[in-house]
Each structure stands twice: as C-alpha cells, then as structure tokens.
Amino acid sequence: MRGLVSGISAMQARVMRGGWVYIVANRPNGVLYLGVTSDLSRRIWEHREGSIDGFTKRYALKRLTWYERHEDICDAIQREKTMKHWSRAWKVRLILDMNPDWRDLYEDLNR
C-alpha cells in the first residue's frame, strides 16, 4: 500500500503542476508561434538556441512576445488548443495589450 500512496502523490504532483501558454515571433508583426510548456524559461531558451528542429527553428522564432500562467498544466493545454483556432488578429491584439513594443520578454523571466 505504501508504494501505491507515493505513486498517487507523484501522479497528482504532475497533474497539478502549472503551465504556460506563450507566443514567440521573429520580429514585430512577423511570423508567430503559439505554444504551451511547464517550464517557460527553459522552453524559450530552447527556441533562442534553435536546439529543436521544426517550425520555430526554420523561421527563427526567438522573441517571447506574450505569455500567460496557469496553475494547472491541463488548463494551459486547453487554452493553447482554443487559441490555435483564433485568427492572427486576435493573437496580435493579445501581444499588443501586454507588449505594445513587441519587446523580447525573455529577459523579464529571470528577474
């Protein structure tokens, strides 16, 4: 029974862990990528370093332009899935509301 209890606690810790929805871009009003992660600093560092092949590396999407914290990773995943269906204009509006100058917000994460 003891192993079962610790296994359940570990599972609950993973499920209850928070998450982030974020948008990276290559320049102001450039190409956008919407993603979700449990570790925003690490994930943006990966984008900046180009360490993972794919869309973000091909288009040099390194500028963190918008992010949103969620207490539960499941909520973050659902929010990302919903936002994937949004128009570009809606995503740009989110960026402009938080970050009108399209600054790279990555430096703000580690303060």
PDB file of N, CA and C in Angstrom:
ATOM      1  N   MET A   1       0.822  -1.197   0.000  1.00  0.00           N
ATOM      2  CA  MET A   1       0.000   0.000   0.000  1.00  0.00           C
ATOM      3  C   MET A   1       0.864   1.259   0.000  1.00  0.00           C
ATOM      4  N   ARG A   2       1.992   1.185   0.681  1.00  0.00           N
ATOM      5  CA  ARG A   2       2.874   2.343   0.783  1.00  0.00           C
ATOM      6  C   ARG A   2       3.334   2.825  -0.597  1.00  0.00           C
ATOM      7  N   GLY A   3       3.740   1.905  -1.486  1.00  0.00           N
ATOM      8  CA  GLY A   3       4.164   2.255  -2.836  1.00  0.00           C
ATOM      9  C   GLY A   3       3.045   2.878  -3.640  1.00  0.00           C
ATOM     10  N   LEU A   4       1.838   2.393  -3.441  1.00  0.00           N
ATOM     11  CA  LEU A   4       0.674   2.923  -4.153  1.00  0.00           C
ATOM     12  C   LEU A   4       0.421   4.374  -3.761  1.00  0.00           C
ATOM     13  N   VAL A   5       0.510   4.675  -2.473  1.00  0.00           N
ATOM     14  CA  VAL A   5       0.277   6.032  -1.986  1.00  0.00           C
ATOM     15  C   VAL A   5       1.316   6.993  -2.560  1.00  0.00           C
ATOM     16  N   SER A   6       2.591   6.614  -2.541  1.00  0.00           N
ATOM     17  CA  SER A   6       3.616   7.510  -3.087  1.00  0.00           C
ATOM     18  C   SER A   6       3.449   7.648  -4.592  1.00  0.00           C
ATOM     19  N   GLY A   7       3.013   6.595  -5.280  1.00  0.00           N
ATOM     20  CA  GLY A   7       2.747   6.672  -6.721  1.00  0.00           C
ATOM     21  C   GLY A   7       1.611   7.631  -7.024  1.00  0.00           C
ATOM     22  N   ILE A   8       0.562   7.594  -6.229  1.00  0.00           N
ATOM     23  CA  ILE A   8      -0.569   8.505  -6.413  1.00  0.00           C
ATOM     24  C   ILE A   8      -0.129   9.942  -6.167  1.00  0.00           C
ATOM     25  N   SER A   9       0.667  10.165  -5.122  1.00  0.00           N
ATOM     26  CA  SER A   9       1.146  11.516  -4.824  1.00  0.00           C
ATOM     27  C   SER A   9       1.999  12.059  -5.969  1.00  0.00           C
ATOM     28  N   ALA A  10       2.853  11.224  -6.534  1.00  0.00           N
ATOM     29  CA  ALA A  10       3.684  11.657  -7.663  1.00  0.00           C
ATOM     30  C   ALA A  10       2.809  11.996  -8.860  1.00  0.00           C
ATOM     31  N   MET A  11       1.788  11.192  -9.108  1.00  0.00           N
ATOM     32  CA  MET A  11       0.880  11.451 -10.228  1.00  0.00           C
ATOM     33  C   MET A  11       0.128  12.766 -10.011  1.00  0.00           C
ATOM     34  N   GLN A  12      -0.356  12.992  -8.800  1.00  0.00           N
ATOM     35  CA  GLN A  12      -1.059  14.232  -8.506  1.00  0.00           C
ATOM     36  C   GLN A  12      -0.146  15.441  -8.690  1.00  0.00           C
ATOM     37  N   ALA A  13       1.111  15.316  -8.300  1.00  0.00           N
ATOM     38  CA  ALA A  13       2.060  16.422  -8.440  1.00  0.00           C
ATOM     39  C   ALA A  13       2.248  16.771  -9.908  1.00  0.00           C
ATOM     40  N   ARG A  14       2.318  15.763 -10.781  1.00  0.00           N
ATOM     41  CA  ARG A  14       2.477  16.028 -12.218  1.00  0.00           C
ATOM     42  C   ARG A  14       1.235  16.705 -12.782  1.00  0.00           C
ATOM     43  N   VAL A  15       0.062  16.220 -12.409  1.00  0.00           N
ATOM     44  CA  VAL A  15      -1.181  16.763 -12.940  1.00  0.00           C
ATOM     45  C   VAL A  15      -1.407  18.185 -12.445  1.00  0.00           C
ATOM     46  N   MET A  16      -1.066  18.463 -11.206  1.00  0.00           N
ATOM     47  CA  MET A  16      -1.363  19.754 -10.614  1.00  0.00           C
ATOM     48  C   MET A  16      -0.306  20.804 -10.943  1.00  0.00           C
ATOM     49  N   ARG A  17       0.766  20.396 -11.556  1.00  0.00           N
ATOM     50  CA  ARG A  17       1.842  21.326 -11.891  1.00  0.00           C
ATOM     51  C   ARG A  17       1.340  22.386 -12.865  1.00  0.00           C
ATOM     52  N   GLY A  18       1.802  23.592 -12.702  1.00  0.00           N
ATOM     53  CA  GLY A  18       1.347  24.685 -13.541  1.00  0.00           C
ATOM     54  C   GLY A  18       1.920  24.652 -14.946  1.00  0.00           C
ATOM     55  N   GLY A  19       1.421  25.547 -15.766  1.00  0.00           N
ATOM     56  CA  GLY A  19       1.881  25.621 -17.142  1.00  0.00           C
ATOM     57  C   GLY A  19       1.778  27.026 -17.696  1.00  0.00           C
ATOM     58  N   TRP A  20       2.337  27.196 -18.870  1.00  0.00           N
ATOM     59  CA  TRP A  20       2.387  28.485 -19.547  1.00  0.00           C
ATOM     60  C   TRP A  20       1.930  28.332 -20.986  1.00  0.00           C
ATOM     61  N   VAL A  21       1.172  29.291 -21.462  1.00  0.00           N
ATOM     62  CA  VAL A  21       0.876  29.430 -22.883  1.00  0.00           C
ATOM     63  C   VAL A  21       1.686  30.645 -23.327  1.00  0.00           C
ATOM     64  N   TYR A  22       2.294  30.568 -24.507  1.00  0.00           N
ATOM     65  CA  TYR A  22       3.182  31.653 -24.925  1.00  0.00           C
ATOM     66  C   TYR A  22       3.144  31.843 -26.432  1.00  0.00           C
ATOM     67  N   ILE A  23       3.575  33.026 -26.856  1.00  0.00           N
ATOM     68  CA  ILE A  23       3.720  33.332 -28.279  1.00  0.00           C
ATOM     69  C   ILE A  23       5.129  33.855 -28.501  1.00  0.00           C
ATOM     70  N   VAL A  24       5.822  33.256 -29.472  1.00  0.00           N
ATOM     71  CA  VAL A  24       7.124  33.750 -29.908  1.00  0.00           C
ATOM     72  C   VAL A  24       6.987  34.252 -31.341  1.00  0.00           C
ATOM     73  N   ALA A  25       7.857  35.187 -31.693  1.00  0.00           N
ATOM     74  CA  ALA A  25       7.845  35.783 -33.034  1.00  0.00           C
ATOM     75  C   ALA A  25       9.286  35.989 -33.485  1.00  0.00           C
ATOM     76  N   ASN A  26       9.456  36.237 -34.781  1.00  0.00           N
ATOM     77  CA  ASN A  26      10.801  36.513 -35.292  1.00  0.00           C
ATOM     78  C   ASN A  26      11.088  38.016 -35.335  1.00  0.00           C
ATOM     79  N   ARG A  27      10.039  38.840 -35.337  1.00  0.00           N
ATOM     80  CA  ARG A  27      10.175  40.296 -35.349  1.00  0.00           C
ATOM     81  C   ARG A  27       8.797  40.881 -35.097  1.00  0.00           C
ATOM     82  N   PRO A  28       8.686  42.177 -34.840  1.00  0.00           N
ATOM     83  CA  PRO A  28       7.359  42.775 -34.679  1.00  0.00           C
ATOM     84  C   PRO A  28       6.501  42.531 -35.918  1.00  0.00           C
ATOM     85  N   ASN A  29       5.286  42.084 -35.687  1.00  0.00           N
ATOM     86  CA  ASN A  29       4.321  41.769 -36.750  1.00  0.00           C
ATOM     87  C   ASN A  29       4.822  40.703 -37.719  1.00  0.00           C
ATOM     88  N   GLY A  30       5.764  39.877 -37.267  1.00  0.00           N
ATOM     89  CA  GLY A  30       6.306  38.807 -38.102  1.00  0.00           C
ATOM     90  C   GLY A  30       5.553  37.506 -37.921  1.00  0.00           C
ATOM     91  N   VAL A  31       6.262  36.420 -38.169  1.00  0.00           N
ATOM     92  CA  VAL A  31       5.698  35.081 -38.023  1.00  0.00           C
ATOM     93  C   VAL A  31       5.480  34.801 -36.538  1.00  0.00           C
ATOM     94  N   LEU A  32       4.347  34.168 -36.190  1.00  0.00           N
ATOM     95  CA  LEU A  32       4.006  33.853 -34.807  1.00  0.00           C
ATOM     96  C   LEU A  32       3.955  32.348 -34.594  1.00  0.00           C
ATOM     97  N   TYR A  33       4.284  31.948 -33.385  1.00  0.00           N
ATOM     98  CA  TYR A  33       4.133  30.551 -32.961  1.00  0.00           C
ATOM     99  C   TYR A  33       3.531  30.558 -31.573  1.00  0.00           C
ATOM    100  N   LEU A  34       2.483  29.781 -31.390  1.00  0.00           N
ATOM    101  CA  LEU A  34       1.791  29.647 -30.112  1.00  0.00           C
ATOM    102  C   LEU A  34       2.144  28.293 -29.524  1.00  0.00           C
ATOM    103  N   GLY A  35       2.606  28.276 -28.269  1.00  0.00           N
ATOM    104  CA  GLY A  35       2.989  27.017 -27.648  1.00  0.00           C
ATOM    105  C   GLY A  35       2.557  26.937 -26.200  1.00  0.00           C
ATOM    106  N   VAL A  36       2.795  25.770 -25.605  1.00  0.00           N
ATOM    107  CA  VAL A  36       2.483  25.526 -24.198  1.00  0.00           C
ATOM    108  C   VAL A  36       3.645  24.745 -23.596  1.00  0.00           C
ATOM    109  N   THR A  37       3.957  25.029 -22.328  1.00  0.00           N
ATOM    110  CA  THR A  37       5.067  24.373 -21.649  1.00  0.00           C
ATOM    111  C   THR A  37       4.859  24.429 -20.147  1.00  0.00           C
ATOM    112  N   SER A  38       5.543  23.535 -19.440  1.00  0.00           N
ATOM    113  CA  SER A  38       5.526  23.598 -17.978  1.00  0.00           C
ATOM    114  C   SER A  38       6.711  24.396 -17.444  1.00  0.00           C
ATOM    115  N   ASP A  39       7.676  24.698 -18.305  1.00  0.00           N
ATOM    116  CA  ASP A  39       8.880  25.435 -17.897  1.00  0.00           C
ATOM    117  C   ASP A  39       9.183  26.501 -18.957  1.00  0.00           C
ATOM    118  N   LEU A  40       8.659  27.677 -18.777  1.00  0.00           N
ATOM    119  CA  LEU A  40       8.753  28.728 -19.789  1.00  0.00           C
ATOM    120  C   LEU A  40      10.193  29.174 -20.042  1.00  0.00           C
ATOM    121  N   SER A  41      10.972  29.385 -19.010  1.00  0.00           N
ATOM    122  CA  SER A  41      12.359  29.823 -19.204  1.00  0.00           C
ATOM    123  C   SER A  41      13.146  28.829 -20.052  1.00  0.00           C
ATOM    124  N   ARG A  42      13.040  27.554 -19.702  1.00  0.00           N
ATOM    125  CA  ARG A  42      13.754  26.523 -20.449  1.00  0.00           C
ATOM    126  C   ARG A  42      13.289  26.456 -21.896  1.00  0.00           C
ATOM    127  N   ARG A  43      11.986  26.502 -22.105  1.00  0.00           N
ATOM    128  CA  ARG A  43      11.448  26.371 -23.461  1.00  0.00           C
ATOM    129  C   ARG A  43      11.850  27.554 -24.337  1.00  0.00           C
ATOM    130  N   ILE A  44      11.804  28.760 -23.809  1.00  0.00           N
ATOM    131  CA  ILE A  44      12.201  29.918 -24.611  1.00  0.00           C
ATOM    132  C   ILE A  44      13.696  29.878 -24.890  1.00  0.00           C
ATOM    133  N   TRP A  45      14.486  29.417 -23.917  1.00  0.00           N
ATOM    134  CA  TRP A  45      15.922  29.246 -24.156  1.00  0.00           C
ATOM    135  C   TRP A  45      16.138  28.281 -25.327  1.00  0.00           C
ATOM    136  N   GLU A  46      15.359  27.196 -25.375  1.00  0.00           N
ATOM    137  CA  GLU A  46      15.464  26.240 -26.487  1.00  0.00           C
ATOM    138  C   GLU A  46      15.129  26.901 -27.822  1.00  0.00           C
ATOM    139  N   HIS A  47      14.102  27.744 -27.838  1.00  0.00           N
ATOM    140  CA  HIS A  47      13.771  28.477 -29.065  1.00  0.00           C
ATOM    141  C   HIS A  47      14.930  29.391 -29.461  1.00  0.00           C
ATOM    142  N   ARG A  48      15.466  30.102 -28.494  1.00  0.00           N
ATOM    143  CA  ARG A  48      16.550  31.056 -28.783  1.00  0.00           C
ATOM    144  C   ARG A  48      17.803  30.359 -29.303  1.00  0.00           C
ATOM    145  N   GLU A  49      18.085  29.185 -28.766  1.00  0.00           N
ATOM    146  CA  GLU A  49      19.273  28.430 -29.171  1.00  0.00           C
ATOM    147  C   GLU A  49      19.046  27.629 -30.456  1.00  0.00           C
ATOM    148  N   GLY A  50      17.791  27.491 -30.872  1.00  0.00           N
ATOM    149  CA  GLY A  50      17.484  26.681 -32.055  1.00  0.00           C
ATOM    150  C   GLY A  50      17.799  25.217 -31.832  1.00  0.00           C
ATOM    151  N   SER A  51      17.645  24.749 -30.601  1.00  0.00           N
ATOM    152  CA  SER A  51      18.056  23.389 -30.253  1.00  0.00           C
ATOM    153  C   SER A  51      17.064  22.310 -30.682  1.00  0.00           C
ATOM    154  N   ILE A  52      15.873  22.708 -31.117  1.00  0.00           N
ATOM    155  CA  ILE A  52      14.874  21.728 -31.562  1.00  0.00           C
ATOM    156  C   ILE A  52      14.474  22.055 -32.992  1.00  0.00           C
ATOM    157  N   ASP A  53      14.640  21.064 -33.869  1.00  0.00           N
ATOM    158  CA  ASP A  53      14.277  21.252 -35.272  1.00  0.00           C
ATOM    159  C   ASP A  53      12.770  21.439 -35.411  1.00  0.00           C
ATOM    160  N   GLY A  54      12.374  22.205 -36.408  1.00  0.00           N
ATOM    161  CA  GLY A  54      10.955  22.386 -36.680  1.00  0.00           C
ATOM    162  C   GLY A  54      10.636  23.810 -37.095  1.00  0.00           C
ATOM    163  N   PHE A  55       9.372  24.148 -36.970  1.00  0.00           N
ATOM    164  CA  PHE A  55       8.832  25.422 -37.415  1.00  0.00           C
ATOM    165  C   PHE A  55       9.563  26.610 -36.790  1.00  0.00           C
ATOM    166  N   THR A  56       9.744  26.576 -35.465  1.00  0.00           N
ATOM    167  CA  THR A  56      10.338  27.740 -34.792  1.00  0.00           C
ATOM    168  C   THR A  56      11.802  27.926 -35.179  1.00  0.00           C
ATOM    169  N   LYS A  57      12.509  26.850 -35.398  1.00  0.00           N
ATOM    170  CA  LYS A  57      13.909  26.957 -35.828  1.00  0.00           C
ATOM    171  C   LYS A  57      13.977  27.462 -37.271  1.00  0.00           C
ATOM    172  N   ARG A  58      13.131  26.911 -38.139  1.00  0.00           N
ATOM    173  CA  ARG A  58      13.139  27.300 -39.560  1.00  0.00           C
ATOM    174  C   ARG A  58      12.860  28.784 -39.739  1.00  0.00           C
ATOM    175  N   TYR A  59      11.948  29.356 -38.937  1.00  0.00           N
ATOM    176  CA  TYR A  59      11.584  30.766 -39.082  1.00  0.00           C
ATOM    177  C   TYR A  59      12.253  31.674 -38.036  1.00  0.00           C
ATOM    178  N   ALA A  60      13.219  31.147 -37.316  1.00  0.00           N
ATOM    179  CA  ALA A  60      13.980  31.920 -36.311  1.00  0.00           C
ATOM    180  C   ALA A  60      13.067  32.639 -35.321  1.00  0.00           C
ATOM    181  N   LEU A  61      12.125  31.897 -34.757  1.00  0.00           N
ATOM    182  CA  LEU A  61      11.179  32.460 -33.797  1.00  0.00           C
ATOM    183  C   LEU A  61      11.803  32.404 -32.407  1.00  0.00           C
ATOM    184  N   LYS A  62      12.413  33.503 -31.997  1.00  0.00           N
ATOM    185  CA  LYS A  62      13.187  33.559 -30.765  1.00  0.00           C
ATOM    186  C   LYS A  62      12.710  34.617 -29.789  1.00  0.00           C
ATOM    187  N   ARG A  63      11.802  35.468 -30.200  1.00  0.00           N
ATOM    188  CA  ARG A  63      11.376  36.606 -29.388  1.00  0.00           C
ATOM    189  C   ARG A  63      10.088  36.253 -28.633  1.00  0.00           C
ATOM    190  N   LEU A  64      10.176  36.156 -27.304  1.00  0.00           N
ATOM    191  CA  LEU A  64       8.997  35.919 -26.482  1.00  0.00           C
ATOM    192  C   LEU A  64       8.183  37.209 -26.455  1.00  0.00           C
ATOM    193  N   THR A  65       6.990  37.178 -27.015  1.00  0.00           N
ATOM    194  CA  THR A  65       6.196  38.402 -27.119  1.00  0.00           C
ATOM    195  C   THR A  65       4.991  38.431 -26.181  1.00  0.00           C
ATOM    196  N   TRP A  66       4.544  37.240 -25.735  1.00  0.00           N
ATOM    197  CA  TRP A  66       3.359  37.171 -24.874  1.00  0.00           C
ATOM    198  C   TRP A  66       3.400  35.845 -24.115  1.00  0.00           C
ATOM    199  N   TYR A  67       2.890  35.856 -22.872  1.00  0.00           N
ATOM    200  CA  TYR A  67       2.763  34.614 -22.113  1.00  0.00           C
ATOM    201  C   TYR A  67       1.644  34.751 -21.089  1.00  0.00           C
ATOM    202  N   GLU A  68       1.177  33.595 -20.637  1.00  0.00           N
ATOM    203  CA  GLU A  68       0.081  33.542 -19.668  1.00  0.00           C
ATOM    204  C   GLU A  68       0.301  32.327 -18.774  1.00  0.00           C
ATOM    205  N   ARG A  69       0.260  32.515 -17.485  1.00  0.00           N
ATOM    206  CA  ARG A  69       0.484  31.448 -16.489  1.00  0.00           C
ATOM    207  C   ARG A  69      -0.829  30.793 -16.122  1.00  0.00           C
ATOM    208  N   HIS A  70      -0.794  29.483 -15.950  1.00  0.00           N
ATOM    209  CA  HIS A  70      -1.951  28.703 -15.485  1.00  0.00           C
ATOM    210  C   HIS A  70      -1.491  27.827 -14.329  1.00  0.00           C
ATOM    211  N   GLU A  71      -2.309  27.711 -13.323  1.00  0.00           N
ATOM    212  CA  GLU A  71      -1.973  26.906 -12.144  1.00  0.00           C
ATOM    213  C   GLU A  71      -1.915  25.421 -12.477  1.00  0.00           C
ATOM    214  N   ASP A  72      -2.681  24.985 -13.453  1.00  0.00           N
ATOM    215  CA  ASP A  72      -2.747  23.577 -13.833  1.00  0.00           C
ATOM    216  C   ASP A  72      -2.340  23.440 -15.297  1.00  0.00           C
ATOM    217  N   ILE A  73      -1.415  22.534 -15.583  1.00  0.00           N
ATOM    218  CA  ILE A  73      -0.944  22.344 -16.951  1.00  0.00           C
ATOM    219  C   ILE A  73      -2.095  21.957 -17.881  1.00  0.00           C
ATOM    220  N   CYS A  74      -3.085  21.244 -17.365  1.00  0.00           N
ATOM    221  CA  CYS A  74      -4.239  20.859 -18.201  1.00  0.00           C
ATOM    222  C   CYS A  74      -4.990  22.097 -18.681  1.00  0.00           C
ATOM    223  N   ASP A  75      -5.109  23.102 -17.832  1.00  0.00           N
ATOM    224  CA  ASP A  75      -5.759  24.353 -18.230  1.00  0.00           C
ATOM    225  C   ASP A  75      -4.940  25.078 -19.295  1.00  0.00           C
ATOM    226  N   ALA A  76      -3.623  25.044 -19.147  1.00  0.00           N
ATOM    227  CA  ALA A  76      -2.749  25.682 -20.138  1.00  0.00           C
ATOM    228  C   ALA A  76      -2.873  24.989 -21.488  1.00  0.00           C
ATOM    229  N   ILE A  77      -2.908  23.673 -21.481  1.00  0.00           N
ATOM    230  CA  ILE A  77      -3.048  22.912 -22.727  1.00  0.00           C
ATOM    231  C   ILE A  77      -4.370  23.228 -23.404  1.00  0.00           C
ATOM    232  N   GLN A  78      -5.446  23.290 -22.620  1.00  0.00           N
ATOM    233  CA  GLN A  78      -6.758  23.611 -23.197  1.00  0.00           C
ATOM    234  C   GLN A  78      -6.782  25.024 -23.771  1.00  0.00           C
ATOM    235  N   ARG A  79      -6.187  25.960 -23.068  1.00  0.00           N
ATOM    236  CA  ARG A  79      -6.122  27.350 -23.550  1.00  0.00           C
ATOM    237  C   ARG A  79      -5.354  27.416 -24.871  1.00  0.00           C
ATOM    238  N   GLU A  80      -4.232  26.709 -24.966  1.00  0.00           N
ATOM    239  CA  GLU A  80      -3.460  26.699 -26.208  1.00  0.00           C
ATOM    240  C   GLU A  80      -4.278  26.110 -27.351  1.00  0.00           C
ATOM    241  N   LYS A  81      -4.976  25.012 -27.093  1.00  0.00           N
ATOM    242  CA  LYS A  81      -5.800  24.384 -28.137  1.00  0.00           C
ATOM    243  C   LYS A  81      -6.884  25.337 -28.623  1.00  0.00           C
ATOM    244  N   THR A  82      -7.482  26.061 -27.702  1.00  0.00           N
ATOM    245  CA  THR A  82      -8.516  27.038 -28.064  1.00  0.00           C
ATOM    246  C   THR A  82      -7.913  28.163 -28.900  1.00  0.00           C
ATOM    247  N   MET A  83      -6.777  28.685 -28.445  1.00  0.00           N
ATOM    248  CA  MET A  83      -6.150  29.817 -29.132  1.00  0.00           C
ATOM    249  C   MET A  83      -5.615  29.451 -30.516  1.00  0.00           C
ATOM    250  N   LYS A  84      -5.282  28.180 -30.725  1.00  0.00           N
ATOM    251  CA  LYS A  84      -4.801  27.742 -32.048  1.00  0.00           C
ATOM    252  C   LYS A  84      -5.858  28.012 -33.120  1.00  0.00           C
ATOM    253  N   HIS A  85      -7.114  28.074 -32.718  1.00  0.00           N
ATOM    254  CA  HIS A  85      -8.212  28.328 -33.660  1.00  0.00           C
ATOM    255  C   HIS A  85      -8.504  29.815 -33.849  1.00  0.00           C
ATOM    256  N   TRP A  86      -7.871  30.652 -33.065  1.00  0.00           N
ATOM    257  CA  TRP A  86      -8.081  32.096 -33.166  1.00  0.00           C
ATOM    258  C   TRP A  86      -7.450  32.641 -34.438  1.00  0.00           C
ATOM    259  N   SER A  87      -7.963  33.755 -34.880  1.00  0.00           N
ATOM    260  CA  SER A  87      -7.351  34.445 -36.015  1.00  0.00           C
ATOM    261  C   SER A  87      -6.042  35.094 -35.573  1.00  0.00           C
ATOM    262  N   ARG A  88      -5.210  35.375 -36.536  1.00  0.00           N
ATOM    263  CA  ARG A  88      -3.949  36.064 -36.257  1.00  0.00           C
ATOM    264  C   ARG A  88      -4.208  37.415 -35.578  1.00  0.00           C
ATOM    265  N   ALA A  89      -5.236  38.118 -36.030  1.00  0.00           N
ATOM    266  CA  ALA A  89      -5.556  39.441 -35.466  1.00  0.00           C
ATOM    267  C   ALA A  89      -5.829  39.357 -33.966  1.00  0.00           C
ATOM    268  N   TRP A  90      -6.513  38.316 -33.517  1.00  0.00           N
ATOM    269  CA  TRP A  90      -6.789  38.160 -32.084  1.00  0.00           C
ATOM    270  C   TRP A  90      -5.506  37.923 -31.310  1.00  0.00           C
ATOM    271  N   LYS A  91      -4.600  37.129 -31.879  1.00  0.00           N
ATOM    272  CA  LYS A  91      -3.319  36.859 -31.205  1.00  0.00           C
ATOM    273  C   LYS A  91      -2.468  38.130 -31.153  1.00  0.00           C
ATOM    274  N   VAL A  92      -2.453  38.877 -32.229  1.00  0.00           N
ATOM    275  CA  VAL A  92      -1.705  40.140 -32.255  1.00  0.00           C
ATOM    276  C   VAL A  92      -2.271  41.106 -31.219  1.00  0.00           C
ATOM    277  N   ARG A  93      -3.586  41.128 -31.062  1.00  0.00           N
ATOM    278  CA  ARG A  93      -4.217  42.004 -30.056  1.00  0.00           C
ATOM    279  C   ARG A  93      -3.742  41.629 -28.652  1.00  0.00           C
ATOM    280  N   LEU A  94      -3.634  40.336 -28.352  1.00  0.00           N
ATOM    281  CA  LEU A  94      -3.111  39.902 -27.047  1.00  0.00           C
ATOM    282  C   LEU A  94      -1.692  40.423 -26.835  1.00  0.00           C
ATOM    283  N   ILE A  95      -0.868  40.274 -27.871  1.00  0.00           N
ATOM    284  CA  ILE A  95       0.521  40.753 -27.779  1.00  0.00           C
ATOM    285  C   ILE A  95       0.542  42.256 -27.532  1.00  0.00           C
ATOM    286  N   LEU A  96      -0.216  42.999 -28.301  1.00  0.00           N
ATOM    287  CA  LEU A  96      -0.220  44.457 -28.168  1.00  0.00           C
ATOM    288  C   LEU A  96      -0.732  44.917 -26.806  1.00  0.00           C
ATOM    289  N   ASP A  97      -1.700  44.197 -26.245  1.00  0.00           N
ATOM    290  CA  ASP A  97      -2.212  44.558 -24.919  1.00  0.00           C
ATOM    291  C   ASP A  97      -1.146  44.383 -23.835  1.00  0.00           C
ATOM    292  N   MET A  98      -0.339  43.320 -23.932  1.00  0.00           N
ATOM    293  CA  MET A  98       0.692  43.047 -22.927  1.00  0.00           C
ATOM    294  C   MET A  98       2.014  43.719 -23.271  1.00  0.00           C
ATOM    295  N   ASN A  99       2.301  43.837 -24.572  1.00  0.00           N
ATOM    296  CA  ASN A  99       3.642  44.177 -25.012  1.00  0.00           C
ATOM    297  C   ASN A  99       3.581  45.028 -26.294  1.00  0.00           C
ATOM    298  N   PRO A 100       3.112  46.266 -26.197  1.00  0.00           N
ATOM    299  CA  PRO A 100       2.886  47.082 -27.393  1.00  0.00           C
ATOM    300  C   PRO A 100       4.126  47.346 -28.244  1.00  0.00           C
ATOM    301  N   ASP A 101       5.304  47.236 -27.654  1.00  0.00           N
ATOM    302  CA  ASP A 101       6.547  47.469 -28.405  1.00  0.00           C
ATOM    303  C   ASP A 101       7.160  46.183 -28.957  1.00  0.00           C
ATOM    304  N   TRP A 102       6.501  45.061 -28.758  1.00  0.00           N
ATOM    305  CA  TRP A 102       6.986  43.761 -29.222  1.00  0.00           C
ATOM    306  C   TRP A 102       8.380  43.460 -28.665  1.00  0.00           C
ATOM    307  N   ARG A 103       8.643  43.911 -27.405  1.00  0.00           N
ATOM    308  CA  ARG A 103       9.925  43.608 -26.762  1.00  0.00           C
ATOM    309  C   ARG A 103      10.073  42.102 -26.575  1.00  0.00           C
ATOM    310  N   ASP A 104      11.299  41.634 -26.459  1.00  0.00           N
ATOM    311  CA  ASP A 104      11.559  40.244 -26.102  1.00  0.00           C
ATOM    312  C   ASP A 104      11.424  40.156 -24.591  1.00  0.00           C
ATOM    313  N   LEU A 105      10.414  39.458 -24.112  1.00  0.00           N
ATOM    314  CA  LEU A 105      10.110  39.379 -22.692  1.00  0.00           C
ATOM    315  C   LEU A 105      10.938  38.325 -21.955  1.00  0.00           C
ATOM    316  N   TYR A 106      11.784  37.632 -22.676  1.00  0.00           N
ATOM    317  CA  TYR A 106      12.602  36.571 -22.075  1.00  0.00           C
ATOM    318  C   TYR A 106      13.445  37.092 -20.910  1.00  0.00           C
ATOM    319  N   GLU A 107      14.040  38.260 -21.098  1.00  0.00           N
ATOM    320  CA  GLU A 107      14.881  38.828 -20.032  1.00  0.00           C
ATOM    321  C   GLU A 107      14.091  39.092 -18.758  1.00  0.00           C
ATOM    322  N   ASP A 108      12.814  39.399 -18.889  1.00  0.00           N
ATOM    323  CA  ASP A 108      11.963  39.662 -17.713  1.00  0.00           C
ATOM    324  C   ASP A 108      11.707  38.407 -16.890  1.00  0.00           C
ATOM    325  N   LEU A 109      11.810  37.240 -17.485  1.00  0.00           N
ATOM    326  CA  LEU A 109      11.508  35.987 -16.779  1.00  0.00           C
ATOM    327  C   LEU A 109      12.489  35.696 -15.665  1.00  0.00           C
ATOM    328  N   ASN A 110      13.716  36.084 -15.833  1.00  0.00           N
ATOM    329  CA  ASN A 110      14.758  35.723 -14.876  1.00  0.00           C
ATOM    330  C   ASN A 110      15.086  36.852 -13.890  1.00  0.00           C
ATOM    331  N   ARG A 111      14.211  37.783 -13.751  1.00  0.00           N
ATOM    332  CA  ARG A 111      14.428  38.893 -12.803  1.00  0.00           C
ATOM    333  C   ARG A 111      13.855  38.568 -11.460  1.00  0.00           C
TER     334      ARG A 111
END
